[in-house]
Protein backbone atom coordinates (compact mmCIF):
# COMPACT_ATOMS: atom_id res chain seq x y z
CA MET A 1 134.03 -7.85 42.38
CA SER A 2 133.81 -4.48 44.13
CA VAL A 3 130.33 -4.41 46.03
CA SER A 4 130.00 -5.66 49.47
CA THR A 5 130.11 -9.13 50.86
CA THR A 6 126.08 -7.80 51.45
CA SER A 7 125.63 -7.10 48.10
CA SER A 8 127.17 -10.28 46.91
CA ALA A 9 125.35 -12.42 48.57
CA ALA A 10 121.94 -10.39 47.35
CA ALA A 11 123.41 -10.55 43.80
CA GLY A 12 124.27 -14.35 44.22
CA ALA A 13 120.34 -14.98 45.16
CA LEU A 14 119.40 -12.79 42.25
CA LEU A 15 121.18 -14.71 39.61
CA LYS A 16 119.62 -18.03 40.65
CA GLN A 17 116.27 -16.25 40.05
CA LEU A 18 117.15 -15.09 36.64
CA GLN A 19 118.69 -18.01 35.23
CA GLN A 20 115.27 -19.65 35.86
CA VAL A 21 113.43 -16.92 33.49
CA GLY A 22 116.66 -16.61 31.28
CA GLN A 23 117.37 -12.77 32.43
CA THR A 24 120.84 -13.22 33.84
CA HIS A 25 122.41 -10.68 31.46
CA LEU A 26 120.86 -7.98 33.47
CA LEU A 27 123.84 -8.68 36.49
CA ARG A 28 126.68 -8.62 33.76
CA TYR A 29 127.96 -5.40 34.45
CA LEU A 30 127.90 -5.79 38.41
CA ASP A 31 131.65 -5.98 38.88
CA ALA A 32 132.02 -2.90 37.11
CA LEU A 33 129.48 -0.95 39.65
CA SER A 34 130.07 1.20 42.80
CA GLU A 35 128.57 -0.39 45.65
CA THR A 36 125.64 2.32 45.29
CA GLU A 37 124.98 1.32 41.87
CA ALA A 38 125.08 -2.11 42.96
CA ARG A 39 122.69 -1.56 45.32
CA THR A 40 120.12 0.29 43.29
CA LEU A 41 120.25 -2.37 40.47
CA ILE A 42 119.72 -5.33 43.01
CA SER A 43 116.64 -3.62 44.17
CA GLN A 44 115.54 -2.40 40.84
CA ILE A 45 115.57 -5.63 39.24
CA SER A 46 114.19 -7.52 42.86
CA LYS A 47 110.86 -5.59 42.14
CA ILE A 48 110.21 -6.98 38.73
CA ASP A 49 107.57 -9.36 38.36
CA PHE A 50 109.20 -11.81 35.45
CA ASP A 51 106.46 -13.95 35.31
CA LEU A 52 103.87 -10.74 34.56
CA VAL A 53 106.60 -9.59 31.75
CA LYS A 54 106.68 -13.08 30.22
CA LYS A 55 103.09 -13.30 29.77
CA ALA A 56 102.65 -9.69 28.77
CA HIS A 57 105.52 -9.88 26.23
CA ALA A 58 103.78 -13.08 24.57
CA PHE A 59 100.30 -11.72 24.69
CA ALA A 60 101.79 -8.16 23.30
CA ILE A 61 103.99 -9.67 20.27
CA LYS A 62 100.74 -12.04 19.29
CA PRO A 63 97.64 -10.87 20.51
CA PRO A 64 94.62 -12.71 20.29
CA SER A 65 93.12 -12.67 16.68
CA LEU A 66 89.90 -10.57 16.04
CA GLN A 67 88.53 -9.75 12.98
CA ASP A 68 84.60 -9.40 13.19
CA VAL A 69 84.22 -5.67 13.37
CA GLN A 70 80.87 -4.34 13.60
CA PRO A 71 79.10 -0.78 14.92
CA LEU A 72 77.40 -1.01 18.29
CA PRO A 73 73.98 -1.97 18.11
CA ASP A 74 71.32 0.99 18.62
CA SER A 75 70.42 -0.23 21.95
CA CYS A 76 74.00 0.62 23.17
CA VAL A 77 74.38 3.93 21.69
CA ILE A 78 72.83 7.12 22.79
CA THR A 79 72.74 10.41 20.82
CA ASP A 80 69.77 11.98 22.01
CA TYR A 81 71.13 12.82 25.73
CA ARG A 82 69.60 16.29 26.02
CA LYS A 83 65.97 14.70 26.07
CA TYR A 84 66.92 12.88 29.02
CA GLU A 85 69.91 15.59 30.45
CA LEU A 86 67.72 16.61 33.56
CA GLU A 87 66.14 13.42 34.29
CA TRP A 88 69.58 11.44 34.36
CA LYS A 89 71.37 14.59 35.86
CA THR A 90 69.04 14.26 38.93
CA GLU A 91 69.78 10.78 38.83
CA GLY A 92 73.54 11.54 38.98
CA LEU A 93 73.25 14.11 41.98
CA SER A 94 71.33 11.85 44.02
CA GLN A 95 73.96 9.12 43.84
CA VAL A 96 76.69 11.96 44.43
CA ALA A 97 74.66 12.70 47.78
CA ALA A 98 74.13 9.47 49.07
CA GLY A 99 78.21 9.11 48.24
CA ARG A 100 78.31 6.45 46.19
CA VAL A 101 80.59 8.15 43.60
CA ALA A 102 84.24 8.57 43.05
CA ALA A 103 85.99 10.99 40.37
CA ILE A 104 89.45 9.17 39.02
CA ILE A 105 91.74 11.29 37.37
CA LEU A 106 94.53 9.69 35.21
CA ALA A 107 97.28 12.26 36.25
CA GLY A 108 100.88 10.43 35.23
CA GLY A 109 101.46 12.71 32.22
CA GLN A 110 104.17 15.31 31.80
CA GLY A 111 103.74 18.49 30.02
CA THR A 112 106.86 17.71 27.90
CA ARG A 113 104.90 18.36 24.81
CA LEU A 114 103.46 21.34 25.84
CA GLY A 115 107.18 22.74 26.75
CA TYR A 116 106.06 22.58 30.61
CA ASN A 117 108.47 20.71 33.02
CA GLY A 118 106.19 19.39 35.35
CA PRO A 119 103.22 17.47 35.75
CA LYS A 120 100.58 18.14 32.99
CA GLY A 121 97.41 18.76 35.61
CA ALA A 122 99.45 21.54 37.23
CA TYR A 123 100.12 23.32 33.39
CA ASN A 124 98.37 26.83 33.16
CA ALA A 125 97.04 27.03 29.69
CA GLY A 126 96.89 30.48 29.63
CA PHE A 127 93.01 31.13 30.37
CA PRO A 128 91.85 34.60 31.63
CA SER A 129 91.67 33.17 35.43
CA LYS A 130 95.10 31.70 34.83
CA LYS A 131 94.13 28.33 36.44
CA SER A 132 95.71 24.87 36.17
CA ILE A 133 94.10 22.14 34.39
CA PHE A 134 93.77 20.56 37.84
CA GLN A 135 92.11 23.55 39.12
CA PHE A 136 89.52 23.65 36.66
CA GLN A 137 88.83 19.99 37.11
CA ILE A 138 88.34 19.65 40.72
CA GLU A 139 86.74 23.39 40.91
CA ARG A 140 83.78 21.07 38.83
CA LEU A 141 83.77 18.59 41.46
CA ILE A 142 83.18 20.75 43.91
CA LYS A 143 80.52 22.38 42.26
CA VAL A 144 78.69 18.92 41.37
CA ARG A 145 79.11 18.47 45.16
CA ALA A 146 77.33 21.33 45.73
CA LEU A 147 74.34 20.86 43.45
CA ALA A 148 74.08 17.39 45.08
CA ASN A 149 73.54 18.62 48.07
CA GLU A 150 70.91 21.71 46.91
CA ALA A 151 69.20 19.18 44.93
CA LEU A 152 68.56 16.84 48.07
CA ALA A 153 68.37 19.28 50.36
CA THR A 154 71.28 18.06 52.65
CA THR A 155 75.28 18.86 53.38
CA SER A 156 76.37 15.45 53.23
CA ALA A 157 77.28 14.96 49.49
CA THR A 158 80.56 13.52 49.37
CA LEU A 159 82.47 13.20 45.79
CA PRO A 160 85.76 11.39 46.57
CA LEU A 161 88.94 12.30 44.29
CA TYR A 162 91.47 9.21 43.07
CA VAL A 163 94.34 10.81 41.69
CA MET A 164 96.67 8.17 39.69
CA THR A 165 100.34 9.55 39.53
CA SER A 166 103.28 8.19 37.66
CA ASP A 167 107.06 7.59 39.18
CA ALA A 168 108.04 10.85 37.15
CA ASN A 169 105.47 12.98 38.69
CA ASP A 170 104.03 11.85 41.81
CA SER A 171 105.70 14.22 44.48
CA GLU A 172 105.60 17.24 42.13
CA THR A 173 102.06 16.46 42.14
CA ARG A 174 101.27 15.82 45.67
CA ASP A 175 103.32 18.86 46.17
CA PHE A 176 101.35 20.84 43.84
CA PHE A 177 97.80 20.01 45.69
CA GLU A 178 99.44 20.86 48.63
CA LYS A 179 100.96 23.94 47.92
CA ASN A 180 97.30 24.97 46.74
CA SER A 181 95.38 23.74 49.66
CA PHE A 182 93.83 21.07 47.39
CA PHE A 183 92.07 23.59 45.82
CA GLY A 184 89.38 23.59 48.21
CA MET A 185 88.77 19.83 49.00
CA ASP A 186 89.26 18.35 52.02
CA PRO A 187 92.17 16.61 51.96
CA ALA A 188 91.19 13.51 53.43
CA ASP A 189 88.70 13.41 50.07
CA VAL A 190 91.91 13.08 47.65
CA PHE A 191 93.73 9.77 47.56
CA PHE A 192 97.14 9.80 45.64
CA PHE A 193 98.31 6.34 44.11
CA GLU A 194 101.09 5.73 41.50
CA GLN A 195 100.67 4.15 38.25
CA GLY A 196 102.84 1.04 37.68
CA MET A 197 106.27 0.37 35.87
CA ILE A 198 107.18 -2.47 34.15
CA PRO A 199 110.30 -2.82 32.21
CA ALA A 200 111.03 -2.54 28.03
CA VAL A 201 111.93 -5.70 26.55
CA THR A 202 113.40 -7.16 22.95
CA GLU A 203 110.58 -7.98 20.69
CA ALA A 204 111.89 -11.21 19.61
CA GLU A 205 113.04 -12.70 22.93
CA GLY A 206 111.36 -10.70 25.34
CA LYS A 207 114.69 -9.95 27.19
CA VAL A 208 114.57 -7.32 29.50
CA ILE A 209 116.32 -3.99 28.27
CA LEU A 210 119.16 -2.18 30.19
CA GLU A 211 119.53 1.28 29.94
CA SER A 212 122.72 1.92 31.48
CA LYS A 213 125.18 -0.72 33.10
CA SER A 214 123.35 0.09 36.74
CA CYS A 215 119.81 1.03 35.82
CA VAL A 216 116.58 -1.08 33.89
CA ALA A 217 114.50 0.81 31.35
CA MET A 218 111.42 0.91 32.69
CA SER A 219 108.56 2.60 31.52
CA PRO A 220 104.64 3.54 32.84
CA ASP A 221 102.38 0.36 32.20
CA GLY A 222 99.69 2.56 29.75
CA ASN A 223 96.30 4.10 31.27
CA GLY A 224 95.25 0.41 31.64
CA GLY A 225 97.57 0.13 34.69
CA LEU A 226 94.58 2.38 36.10
CA PHE A 227 93.06 -1.36 37.62
CA ALA A 228 96.15 -2.74 39.32
CA ALA A 229 97.13 0.50 40.49
CA LEU A 230 93.73 0.70 42.60
CA GLU A 231 93.97 -2.80 43.80
CA ARG A 232 97.98 -2.16 44.69
CA SER A 233 97.38 1.02 46.40
CA GLY A 234 94.41 0.06 48.63
CA ALA A 235 92.44 2.68 46.93
CA ILE A 236 89.76 0.29 45.61
CA ALA A 237 89.42 -0.77 49.46
CA ASP A 238 89.25 2.94 50.19
CA MET A 239 86.34 3.00 47.95
CA GLU A 240 84.63 0.21 49.18
CA ARG A 241 84.87 1.50 52.72
CA ARG A 242 83.48 4.45 51.75
CA GLY A 243 80.33 2.73 50.29
CA VAL A 244 81.13 4.02 46.43
CA LEU A 245 79.28 2.06 43.86
CA TYR A 246 80.28 4.00 40.89
CA THR A 247 83.55 5.59 39.55
CA HIS A 248 83.73 8.03 37.03
CA VAL A 249 87.16 8.22 35.29
CA PHE A 250 88.93 10.52 33.00
CA ALA A 251 92.24 11.89 31.90
CA VAL A 252 93.83 14.89 32.80
CA ASP A 253 94.42 16.97 29.62
CA ASN A 254 90.94 17.98 29.17
CA PRO A 255 89.94 20.94 31.12
CA LEU A 256 86.17 20.80 30.36
CA SER A 257 85.80 16.83 31.84
CA CYS A 258 83.65 17.32 35.05
CA PRO A 259 84.61 14.83 37.59
CA GLY A 260 81.17 12.90 38.48
CA ASP A 261 79.51 13.97 35.35
CA PRO A 262 76.22 13.89 36.75
CA MET A 263 74.33 13.27 33.57
CA PHE A 264 76.63 10.64 32.54
CA VAL A 265 76.98 8.63 36.06
CA GLY A 266 73.25 9.28 36.16
CA CYS A 267 72.58 7.23 32.74
CA CYS A 268 74.51 4.76 33.33
CA VAL A 269 73.56 3.97 36.80
CA ALA A 270 69.34 4.50 35.61
CA LYS A 271 70.51 1.93 32.72
CA SER A 272 72.39 -0.67 34.88
CA VAL A 273 75.31 -1.12 32.96
CA GLU A 274 78.68 -2.08 34.43
CA ALA A 275 80.64 0.18 32.07
CA GLY A 276 79.81 3.27 30.28
CA ASN A 277 82.33 5.52 27.25
CA LEU A 278 81.25 9.14 27.23
CA CYS A 279 82.30 9.72 23.51
CA VAL A 280 81.71 12.89 21.02
CA ALA A 281 81.12 12.83 17.32
CA LYS A 282 83.62 12.21 15.13
CA ALA A 283 84.71 15.56 13.41
CA ARG A 284 85.39 13.59 10.17
CA TRP A 285 85.15 10.29 8.74
CA ASP A 286 88.92 9.79 8.76
CA GLU A 287 89.93 11.43 11.60
CA ARG A 288 92.38 9.32 13.44
CA VAL A 289 90.85 8.69 16.51
CA GLY A 290 89.66 5.33 18.13
CA VAL A 291 85.74 4.59 18.10
CA ALA A 292 83.50 2.42 20.07
CA ALA A 293 82.81 -0.66 18.24
CA LEU A 294 81.74 -4.49 18.82
CA ARG A 295 84.60 -6.54 17.87
CA ASP A 296 83.47 -10.52 17.73
CA GLY A 297 80.93 -9.53 19.66
CA LYS A 298 82.21 -7.98 22.58
CA PHE A 299 82.53 -4.58 23.58
CA HIS A 300 85.65 -2.55 22.29
CA VAL A 301 87.32 0.53 20.93
CA VAL A 302 88.43 -0.35 17.83
CA GLU A 303 91.83 2.09 16.34
CA TYR A 304 91.15 4.25 12.93
CA SER A 305 93.63 1.94 11.29
CA GLU A 306 91.31 -1.31 12.03
CA LEU A 307 88.72 0.45 10.04
CA THR A 308 88.39 0.64 5.86
CA GLU A 309 87.51 3.28 4.30
CA GLU A 310 84.16 1.89 3.33
CA MET A 311 83.82 0.98 7.12
CA ALA A 312 84.70 4.67 8.16
CA LYS A 313 82.54 6.54 5.60
CA LYS A 314 79.34 3.89 6.44
CA SER A 315 76.48 5.91 7.81
CA SER A 316 73.51 4.93 10.07
CA GLY A 317 70.89 7.42 9.86
CA LYS A 318 72.64 10.98 10.18
CA ASN A 319 75.41 9.77 12.09
CA LEU A 320 78.74 7.77 11.05
CA ALA A 321 78.53 4.17 12.01
CA PHE A 322 81.36 4.09 13.45
CA GLY A 323 81.13 7.62 14.93
CA ALA A 324 81.47 7.63 18.61
CA ALA A 325 85.09 8.82 19.48
CA ASN A 326 86.80 7.80 22.06
CA ILE A 327 88.01 10.47 24.17
CA CYS A 328 89.16 8.83 27.50
CA ASN A 329 86.14 9.23 29.65
CA HIS A 330 84.82 5.96 31.24
CA PHE A 331 81.65 4.92 33.64
CA PHE A 332 82.70 1.45 36.19
CA THR A 333 81.11 0.00 38.85
CA THR A 334 83.20 -0.70 41.45
CA SER A 335 82.13 -4.40 41.66
CA PHE A 336 82.51 -4.64 37.84
CA LEU A 337 86.48 -3.39 38.63
CA ARG A 338 86.90 -5.58 41.32
CA ASP A 339 85.54 -8.60 40.02
CA LYS A 340 85.77 -8.73 36.21
CA VAL A 341 88.90 -6.07 35.45
CA ILE A 342 91.33 -6.66 38.01
CA PRO A 343 91.89 -10.26 37.62
CA GLY A 344 91.09 -10.24 33.89
CA MET A 345 93.71 -7.72 32.65
CA LYS A 346 96.70 -8.31 34.25
CA ALA A 347 98.87 -9.04 31.46
CA SER A 348 96.62 -7.96 28.14
CA HIS A 349 99.18 -5.49 27.22
CA HIS A 350 99.94 -4.03 23.90
CA ALA A 351 103.51 -3.76 21.91
CA ALA A 352 104.50 0.15 21.57
CA ARG A 353 107.68 -0.37 19.17
CA LYS A 354 110.20 2.14 20.64
CA ALA A 355 113.64 3.63 20.17
CA ILE A 356 114.53 2.86 23.69
CA PRO A 357 117.88 4.10 24.67
CA CYS A 358 119.90 1.13 26.15
CA VAL A 359 123.36 0.21 27.53
CA ASP A 360 124.81 -0.75 23.98
CA ASP A 361 123.35 2.45 22.15
CA PRO A 362 122.15 5.62 24.16
CA ALA A 363 120.59 6.92 21.06
CA PRO A 364 118.93 4.63 18.88
CA LYS A 365 117.75 5.78 15.92
CA ALA A 366 115.14 3.38 14.73
CA SER A 367 113.05 0.69 17.30
CA ASN A 368 115.37 -1.52 19.45
CA GLY A 369 112.49 -2.80 21.76
CA ILE A 370 109.30 -2.52 23.16
CA LYS A 371 107.05 -0.97 25.65
CA LEU A 372 104.59 -2.98 27.10
CA GLU A 373 101.39 -0.87 27.70
CA LEU A 374 97.60 -1.82 28.86
CA PHE A 375 95.03 0.09 28.00
CA ILE A 376 91.81 1.60 29.95
CA PHE A 377 89.30 0.62 27.29
CA ASP A 378 90.58 -3.13 27.18
CA ALA A 379 88.05 -3.19 30.11
CA PHE A 380 84.78 -2.86 27.82
CA PRO A 381 84.99 -6.61 26.49
CA LEU A 382 84.69 -8.07 29.92
CA ALA A 383 81.44 -6.11 30.61
CA ASP A 384 78.06 -8.03 29.81
CA SER A 385 76.17 -4.35 30.29
CA TYR A 386 77.36 -1.26 28.24
CA LEU A 387 76.73 1.82 26.78
CA ALA A 388 78.34 4.50 24.99
CA MET A 389 76.56 8.22 25.13
CA GLN A 390 77.96 10.45 22.23
CA VAL A 391 77.90 14.07 23.82
CA ASP A 392 78.74 17.29 21.89
CA ARG A 393 82.53 18.04 21.31
CA GLU A 394 82.00 21.78 21.94
CA SER A 395 80.71 20.91 25.75
CA TYR A 396 82.60 17.94 26.81
CA PHE A 397 86.01 18.01 25.03
CA ALA A 398 88.91 20.68 24.95
CA PRO A 399 91.84 18.31 24.79
CA ILE A 400 95.39 19.96 25.56
CA LYS A 401 97.92 17.77 23.90
CA ASN A 402 100.14 19.72 21.79
CA ALA A 403 102.23 23.01 22.08
CA SER A 404 100.50 24.77 18.87
CA GLY A 405 98.07 23.74 16.47
CA VAL A 406 95.39 21.20 16.77
CA ASP A 407 94.29 19.90 20.58
CA SER A 408 96.67 22.98 21.82
CA PRO A 409 96.06 25.43 24.61
CA GLU A 410 94.84 27.73 22.04
CA THR A 411 92.34 25.73 20.65
CA ALA A 412 91.40 24.90 24.19
CA ARG A 413 91.25 28.36 24.83
CA GLN A 414 88.93 29.29 22.12
CA MET A 415 86.10 26.64 22.82
CA VAL A 416 85.87 27.48 26.43
CA THR A 417 85.52 31.17 25.24
CA ASP A 418 82.58 29.78 22.60
CA LEU A 419 81.08 27.56 25.16
CA HIS A 420 80.96 29.93 28.04
CA GLY A 421 80.62 33.22 26.14
CA GLY A 422 77.10 31.40 24.72
CA TRP A 423 76.08 30.72 28.17
CA LEU A 424 76.87 34.50 29.17
CA LEU A 425 74.70 35.51 25.80
CA ARG A 426 71.97 33.20 26.33
CA ALA A 427 71.55 34.24 30.43
CA GLY A 428 71.02 38.25 28.87
CA ALA A 429 74.32 39.53 29.02
CA GLN A 430 75.80 41.59 26.21
CA LEU A 431 79.86 40.89 25.39
CA GLU A 432 82.31 43.68 24.32
CA GLY A 433 85.35 44.16 23.03
CA THR A 434 87.49 41.31 21.83
CA GLY A 435 89.27 38.09 23.51
CA HIS A 436 88.86 35.13 25.57
CA CYS A 437 85.73 34.35 28.18
CA GLU A 438 85.88 32.00 31.00
CA VAL A 439 83.31 31.04 33.84
CA SER A 440 84.56 29.82 37.20
CA PRO A 441 82.67 25.86 37.23
CA LEU A 442 81.84 27.47 40.83
CA VAL A 443 79.62 29.81 39.49
CA SER A 444 78.35 27.73 36.88
CA LEU A 445 78.74 24.16 35.92
CA SER A 446 77.15 24.36 32.60
CA GLY A 447 75.39 27.62 32.43
CA GLU A 448 73.03 27.26 35.00
CA GLY A 449 71.81 30.30 37.03
CA LEU A 450 74.03 32.78 34.87
CA ASP A 451 70.61 34.63 34.08
CA LYS A 452 70.22 35.70 37.84
CA ILE A 453 73.83 37.02 37.67
CA VAL A 454 74.54 38.64 34.31
CA ASN A 455 70.84 39.41 32.48
CA GLY A 456 70.97 43.07 31.16
CA LEU A 457 75.02 43.35 32.18
CA LYS A 458 77.32 44.57 29.74
CA LEU A 459 80.69 42.58 30.03
CA ARG A 460 83.81 43.49 28.41
CA LEU A 461 86.33 40.95 26.95
CA PRO A 462 88.62 39.28 27.96
CA LEU A 463 86.59 38.28 31.09
CA TYR A 464 86.62 35.80 33.87
CA LEU A 465 83.44 35.34 35.92
CA GLY A 466 84.72 34.34 38.91
CA ALA A 467 85.25 35.13 42.65
CA ASP A 468 86.63 38.50 42.17
CA GLY A 469 87.46 41.18 39.51
CA PRO A 470 87.11 44.56 37.00
CA VAL A 471 85.76 47.16 35.16
CA ASN A 472 82.79 49.88 34.29
CA LEU A 473 80.15 51.24 35.93
CA GLU A 474 76.46 50.31 35.34
CA GLN A 475 73.65 52.27 37.00
CA PHE A 476 69.49 51.78 37.09
CA GLY A 477 66.72 52.97 38.95
CA THR A 478 65.84 56.83 39.46
CA ASN A 479 66.86 60.12 40.03
CA ASP A 480 65.51 59.42 43.85
CA PHE A 481 67.35 55.56 43.93
CA ARG A 482 70.23 54.60 42.44
CA ILE A 483 72.25 51.02 42.79
CA THR A 484 75.47 51.25 40.98
CA VAL A 485 77.42 48.14 39.84
CA ASP A 486 80.83 48.67 40.39
CA PHE A 487 83.22 46.14 37.90
CA SER A 488 86.72 47.17 39.74
CA THR A 489 90.29 47.61 37.63
CA ALA A 490 91.16 44.70 35.30
CA GLN A 491 93.93 42.65 36.61
CA ASP A 492 96.39 41.41 34.02
CA GLY A 493 94.12 42.56 31.35
CA VAL A 494 91.43 40.43 32.24
CA ASN A 495 88.08 41.85 33.81
CA HIS A 496 87.41 40.15 37.21
CA TYR A 497 83.64 41.05 37.36
CA ARG A 498 82.43 41.88 40.90
CA VAL A 499 79.23 43.92 42.13
CA VAL A 500 79.18 46.61 44.98
CA ALA A 501 75.74 47.87 45.84
CA LYS A 502 76.06 51.79 46.71
CA LYS A 503 72.97 53.87 48.01
CA PRO A 504 73.40 57.80 47.44
CA ASN A 505 69.78 59.16 47.48
CA PRO A 506 67.68 56.73 49.70
CA ASP A 507 64.18 56.83 48.42
CA VAL A 508 61.47 56.85 51.00
CA SER A 509 59.15 54.82 49.44
CA ALA A 510 57.74 51.59 50.78
CA ALA A 511 59.63 49.64 48.06
CA ALA A 512 63.01 51.38 48.45
CA LYS A 513 62.53 51.14 52.29
CA VAL A 514 62.54 47.21 51.30
CA ILE A 515 65.90 47.64 49.47
CA MET A 516 67.36 49.62 51.65
CA GLU A 517 66.74 47.07 54.43
CA LYS A 518 68.14 44.58 52.49
CA LEU A 519 71.24 46.61 52.13
CA ALA A 520 71.63 47.29 55.15
CA ALA A 521 71.57 43.60 56.46
CA VAL A 522 74.73 43.40 54.15
CA ASP A 523 78.15 44.36 54.56
CA ILE A 524 79.30 44.79 51.15
CA SER A 525 83.16 45.00 52.37
CA LYS A 526 82.48 41.26 53.40
CA THR A 527 80.53 39.87 50.86
CA THR A 528 82.07 37.74 47.95
CA PRO A 529 81.37 39.20 44.40
CA LEU A 530 79.38 36.20 43.50
CA ASP A 531 76.98 36.84 46.70
CA ALA A 532 77.18 40.36 45.23
CA LEU A 533 75.85 39.80 41.86
CA PHE A 534 73.09 37.49 43.58
CA LEU A 535 72.03 40.45 45.49
CA LEU A 536 72.36 42.35 42.67
CA SER A 537 70.01 40.59 40.81
CA GLU A 538 67.44 40.41 43.50
CA LEU A 539 67.82 44.12 43.91
CA LYS A 540 67.11 44.95 40.32
CA ASP A 541 63.90 42.79 40.21
CA LEU A 542 62.54 44.48 43.08
CA ALA A 543 63.38 47.86 41.65
CA SER A 544 61.69 46.76 38.37
CA ASN A 545 58.53 45.75 39.83
CA SER A 546 58.46 48.98 41.94
CA ASN A 547 58.94 50.91 38.73
CA LEU A 548 61.65 52.50 40.57
C-alpha cells in the first residue's frame, strides 16, 4: 500500500464500517492512490451517512403507492386575490415590520444552461439596468422592508435573507455578494448555508458509485434538501433567535420573485395555514408542469405525467380543475418546519435516473445509476392546513431557465417590459420608441407611486427608471416661470431618467415665491434622481394649481 501508516489505519477502520453496510468496493483502488488522493477519498467516504443512503435508495426505487388524485377543494384555492390584495398586503407588511418574516432563496444552481459559468443568481440577463438576478430580488426585499416601515410608521422593520448555496457555488456566491456590498443589505441580515450532497447509487443494489478511483460520485440532494440544511447550518435556530415565525421560500431563477411577498405572506398569516403555495394558472391544459392537487387526501404537487388527458382537461368553473401550476414559491411557518418537516422528510427521496460518469465508464451513454433528490413540495403532505394562491403569471413569473426559446432571458425581458411599461402608462407617462423597459424595485414594487413621478412625462424606450440616467428636455410653466426637466445623455443605449430643476426666469408672484423657496432649500447637485422626480411632481402640482 502506497499510503502512509496513518492513512492505512484510517482505511482499516473505515473498511470495517463499509463491510457492515456492504460498500467495501469504495476502497478497492486505495493501493493505487497517492497519499493525498487516499486521504481525500477516506475523508469523503467518512462523511457519508450510509444509513440515510440506504433508506433514501429504498424509498426512491419503491415509493409509496399513491393513487387517488383529486383537485384541491375550493376552500384551499384562492383565485380572486385582487379582491383582498390591500387587506392581505397590509397584514404582510405588519408582520415584516414586526420582524416575523424571513426570505429564503434557493440559489444552489449554476448558470450552465444559460451559457454562464457561475451561480445562476449572479447572471446578467440583459435587462436595461444590467442587474443580476440576485440584485433584482434583493432590491425588492429592501423595498418591502421600506414599505413596512412606512405603513407602520417605524424604522425597525427587518427582513433577513437566507441564501441556500451548493458545494459548486457557495464560495462564488458569497464573493459576489461581498463585491456588490450585499446590494444594500446589512451583511448581518444575510445568512448563507450550503445544500446537502448525497452519493449517486446503482438502482438495483444501492451501491455507491465511484466517479474515479479517488472520488465518490456526489450530487446535490434536491431543493427539498433545504429543510435538513436549515437545521444542519443553524439557520432555523437563527430564525428562532430573531423571532421569525414565517418564511417565504422561492427559486433564484425568477427575477419577478418578491422576497417576503407581503400579499402572499399576509394571506397565509390571515388564513392561519402552516403551508402555502403561490401558483400561476397553467398556460394550457397540456403544459408540462406540476400542479397543486390532493393525492390520497393529502396536499401535493402532482406531476403532469401523472394526469390523464381527461383529468388535465377537466374544468372547474372558468378554470382548469388541475390548473394551479407550481412555480416553487412557498410559505411555511417556522414551527411547521421545525416540528414536522425537518424530522419527517429525511429520507423521502426521488430517483433521477442518469448517465453518471464513473470509474468503469467515464462517459456513459445510457442510464447507469440514480441520483437521489428531495423535492421541496413534498413538505405539503405533512401540513394540516394549506392554501394555494393562483396569481397572474404576467405579474409573478418570468423564469430564466434556458439560453433561448421558452423561459429564456429574452422572454423574461419582454415580460418585465410588458409589466413595467403597463405601470408607467397607467401612471400617466407616454412611452416613445422601441425596446425594453424596466422600473427599479427601489422606485416602485408593483406600480405604486409612479403617478407622482411620471404623470405627464414623455419617456423614450429603451428605458430604465431607477437611480440615475438620460434623455430629452421637458419644460412647463409660463414665460415668466419655467422648470426644465433634464434627462441627461443615454448610457449603453438605455435611457436612465433623472430630473434637474432649473430656474431661468423667477416669477415674482406669491405662488412662484413658494416654489422658489422649495427650490432654494434643495441642493439639486446633491439630490438623488428619485428625490428630484418627486420634487418635480410637487412643483408641477404647485405650478398647475397656481396657473403658472
